Every structure is written in C-alpha cells, then in structure tokens.
Amino acid sequence: MLRTFRLAVCALSAVTALVSTGAVAGESRVPKPAITIENPGKCVAPVDEMRRNHMDMLKHTRDKTLREGVRGMKTSLNGCIECHASKKTGSVLGNENFCQSCHSYAAVSLDCWSCHQPKANFKATGALPAGHDSPTGNASTAGAKQ
C-alpha cells in the first residue's frame, strides 16, 4: 500500500512539474527568434507562405539564374537581403538579425553564406574574400569590398 502511495506521489509530482514548465501546454523555454522586418509590407508573399516555402522560392530562383541567366527576379536572395537586412548592421546574419535568428531557433543550418554575402547594398568587386580559393586553387589574399 505504501509503495502504491509513493508511486502516486511521484506521478503527481511529475505531472505538476510538466504543467508548471509549460511542456504540456505546448509552451517552450527556448526563446522565440528576434525577427524584425526592417521594410514591412513589401514581401513577395504572405508570412505563412514565406515561412514554409522561402527555401523553395530561393532554389527556384537560383536554378533560373544559373541555368537560364535570368536575374532580378522578385524572389532573389539579394531581394530578400535588401528588405530584411538590419538597418543597424546592414546584414541578415547575427543572433538578432533576420535570417540567423530564425534559422538558429529552428536548428537549420544557413548554407547560403558559404558562397553569398549577407549584406544589403553590397557591390561585388570581382575579388574573392580573404581565405577563399580561387579557380586556380590558390588562396586569395584580396578582400571583397563590404
């Protein structure tokens, strides 16, 4: 009898702990991403659609650009950066900036920036960023204008 009572107390304690932490109610102790839309009202699609499909839109635009030479599409990576880059840093990267804050929250890696720059109003100089290999295999020492 005492054993049953102890099990009941443990079970009740566990349920109480779950309810008090919000785990049962679907709440999270993980802080929500800090998303600030720097230029609101200009997005190419509604928020819910962008959350679910932005990666597919970017891939489609990438394919059109690489395979057909089409540039300046409304769903281009540069178009996203121009609207969503922080006005303070000029970038979409950083813990409080648009892309990185949401991708960190969702535990999704951002592989765009291994090739592309994350800053608004960036004008390519044709030079490779420092440390990147050139097509000839030599590491570049020239930095790109940022």
Protein backbone atom coordinates (compact mmCIF):
# COMPACT_ATOMS: atom_id res chain seq x y z
CA MET A 1 0.00 0.00 0.00
CA LEU A 2 2.80 2.38 0.90
CA ARG A 3 4.53 1.55 -2.39
CA THR A 4 1.40 2.47 -4.38
CA PHE A 5 1.12 5.73 -2.46
CA ARG A 6 4.75 6.63 -3.23
CA LEU A 7 4.23 5.88 -6.95
CA ALA A 8 1.11 8.07 -6.97
CA VAL A 9 3.01 10.93 -5.30
CA CYS A 10 5.87 10.62 -7.82
CA ALA A 11 3.43 10.59 -10.75
CA LEU A 12 1.58 13.63 -9.39
CA SER A 13 4.90 15.45 -8.88
CA ALA A 14 5.96 14.70 -12.45
CA VAL A 15 2.67 15.97 -13.89
CA THR A 16 2.88 19.11 -11.74
CA ALA A 17 6.43 19.75 -12.95
CA LEU A 18 5.40 19.36 -16.60
CA VAL A 19 2.42 21.69 -16.23
CA SER A 20 4.43 24.34 -14.37
CA THR A 21 7.16 24.37 -17.06
CA GLY A 22 4.62 24.65 -19.86
CA ALA A 23 5.68 21.37 -21.52
CA VAL A 24 2.12 20.04 -21.53
CA ALA A 25 0.61 23.30 -22.78
CA GLY A 26 2.99 23.41 -25.78
CA GLU A 27 4.99 26.32 -24.41
CA SER A 28 8.73 26.33 -24.77
CA ARG A 29 11.55 27.52 -22.56
CA VAL A 30 13.51 28.26 -25.73
CA PRO A 31 13.34 31.99 -26.52
CA LYS A 32 11.50 32.84 -29.74
CA PRO A 33 13.62 34.29 -32.56
CA ALA A 34 14.09 38.05 -32.66
CA ILE A 35 12.57 38.83 -36.02
CA THR A 36 12.34 42.42 -37.13
CA ILE A 37 11.05 43.21 -40.60
CA GLU A 38 13.09 46.28 -41.50
CA ASN A 39 10.94 47.21 -44.52
CA PRO A 40 7.46 45.86 -43.70
CA GLY A 41 4.71 45.44 -46.26
CA LYS A 42 6.89 44.77 -49.30
CA CYS A 43 7.34 40.97 -49.13
CA VAL A 44 6.71 38.88 -52.24
CA ALA A 45 4.33 36.51 -50.41
CA PRO A 46 2.33 36.30 -47.17
CA VAL A 47 4.24 35.50 -43.96
CA ASP A 48 2.87 31.95 -43.59
CA GLU A 49 3.83 31.10 -47.17
CA MET A 50 7.32 32.56 -46.74
CA ARG A 51 7.90 30.57 -43.54
CA ARG A 52 7.00 27.32 -45.27
CA ASN A 53 8.32 27.91 -48.79
CA HIS A 54 11.09 30.54 -48.86
CA MET A 55 13.77 27.92 -49.38
CA ASP A 56 11.94 26.51 -52.41
CA MET A 57 11.48 30.01 -53.86
CA LEU A 58 15.18 30.71 -53.43
CA LYS A 59 16.16 27.38 -55.01
CA HIS A 60 13.84 28.01 -57.97
CA THR A 61 15.33 31.49 -58.47
CA ARG A 62 18.83 30.06 -58.14
CA ASP A 63 18.12 27.47 -60.82
CA LYS A 64 16.63 30.08 -63.18
CA THR A 65 19.66 32.31 -62.68
CA LEU A 66 22.29 29.59 -63.07
CA ARG A 67 20.72 27.67 -65.93
CA GLU A 68 18.94 30.40 -67.88
CA GLY A 69 20.78 33.57 -66.87
CA VAL A 70 17.61 35.19 -65.50
CA ARG A 71 18.48 37.89 -62.98
CA GLY A 72 16.46 40.33 -60.89
CA MET A 73 13.59 38.01 -60.04
CA LYS A 74 11.42 39.21 -57.15
CA THR A 75 12.38 36.12 -55.11
CA SER A 76 16.14 36.59 -55.46
CA LEU A 77 18.46 36.26 -52.47
CA ASN A 78 19.61 39.84 -52.96
CA GLY A 79 15.98 40.99 -52.96
CA CYS A 80 15.44 39.30 -49.60
CA ILE A 81 18.61 40.82 -48.17
CA GLU A 82 17.69 44.33 -49.35
CA CYS A 83 14.41 44.22 -47.40
CA HIS A 84 15.38 42.12 -44.39
CA ALA A 85 18.92 43.28 -43.54
CA SER A 86 19.20 45.04 -40.20
CA LYS A 87 19.35 48.80 -40.52
CA LYS A 88 21.90 48.80 -37.69
CA THR A 89 24.34 46.23 -39.12
CA GLY A 90 23.29 46.07 -42.78
CA SER A 91 23.32 42.27 -42.51
CA VAL A 92 20.84 39.39 -42.21
CA LEU A 93 23.34 37.49 -40.03
CA GLY A 94 23.87 37.83 -36.31
CA ASN A 95 21.84 36.50 -33.39
CA GLU A 96 19.30 39.29 -33.59
CA ASN A 97 19.16 39.62 -37.37
CA PHE A 98 16.54 38.22 -39.69
CA CYS A 99 17.92 35.00 -41.21
CA GLN A 100 20.20 33.76 -38.47
CA SER A 101 17.78 34.34 -35.58
CA CYS A 102 15.05 32.20 -37.15
CA HIS A 103 17.35 29.51 -38.52
CA SER A 104 19.07 29.17 -35.13
CA TYR A 105 15.67 28.82 -33.45
CA ALA A 106 14.64 26.11 -35.94
CA ALA A 107 18.09 24.42 -35.75
CA VAL A 108 18.55 24.73 -39.52
CA SER A 109 21.96 25.50 -40.99
CA LEU A 110 22.38 28.51 -43.23
CA ASP A 111 24.48 27.35 -46.15
CA CYS A 112 23.75 30.38 -48.36
CA TRP A 113 26.59 32.37 -46.84
CA SER A 114 29.33 29.94 -47.78
CA CYS A 115 29.09 31.48 -51.28
CA HIS A 116 26.93 34.60 -50.94
CA GLN A 117 27.39 37.78 -48.94
CA PRO A 118 24.77 38.62 -46.27
CA LYS A 119 24.83 42.43 -46.51
CA ALA A 120 22.47 44.88 -48.17
CA ASN A 121 23.76 47.23 -50.88
CA PHE A 122 26.80 45.02 -51.45
CA LYS A 123 28.58 45.66 -54.71
CA ALA A 124 30.84 42.84 -55.86
CA THR A 125 34.37 43.84 -56.81
CA GLY A 126 35.25 40.60 -58.55
CA ALA A 127 37.84 39.80 -55.87
CA LEU A 128 37.43 36.72 -53.72
CA PRO A 129 37.04 37.25 -49.98
CA ALA A 130 40.21 36.61 -47.98
CA GLY A 131 40.90 32.92 -47.46
CA HIS A 132 38.69 31.66 -50.30
CA ASP A 133 40.25 29.55 -53.00
CA SER A 134 40.42 30.95 -56.49
CA PRO A 135 39.51 28.82 -59.51
CA THR A 136 43.23 28.11 -59.91
CA GLY A 137 43.40 26.63 -56.39
CA ASN A 138 45.44 29.43 -54.81
CA ALA A 139 44.07 31.08 -51.69
CA SER A 140 43.11 34.68 -52.27
CA THR A 141 44.62 37.39 -50.11
CA ALA A 142 42.47 40.17 -51.54
CA GLY A 143 39.32 41.01 -49.60
CA ALA A 144 35.98 41.85 -51.19
CA LYS A 145 34.58 45.31 -50.61
CA GLN A 146 31.96 45.11 -47.85
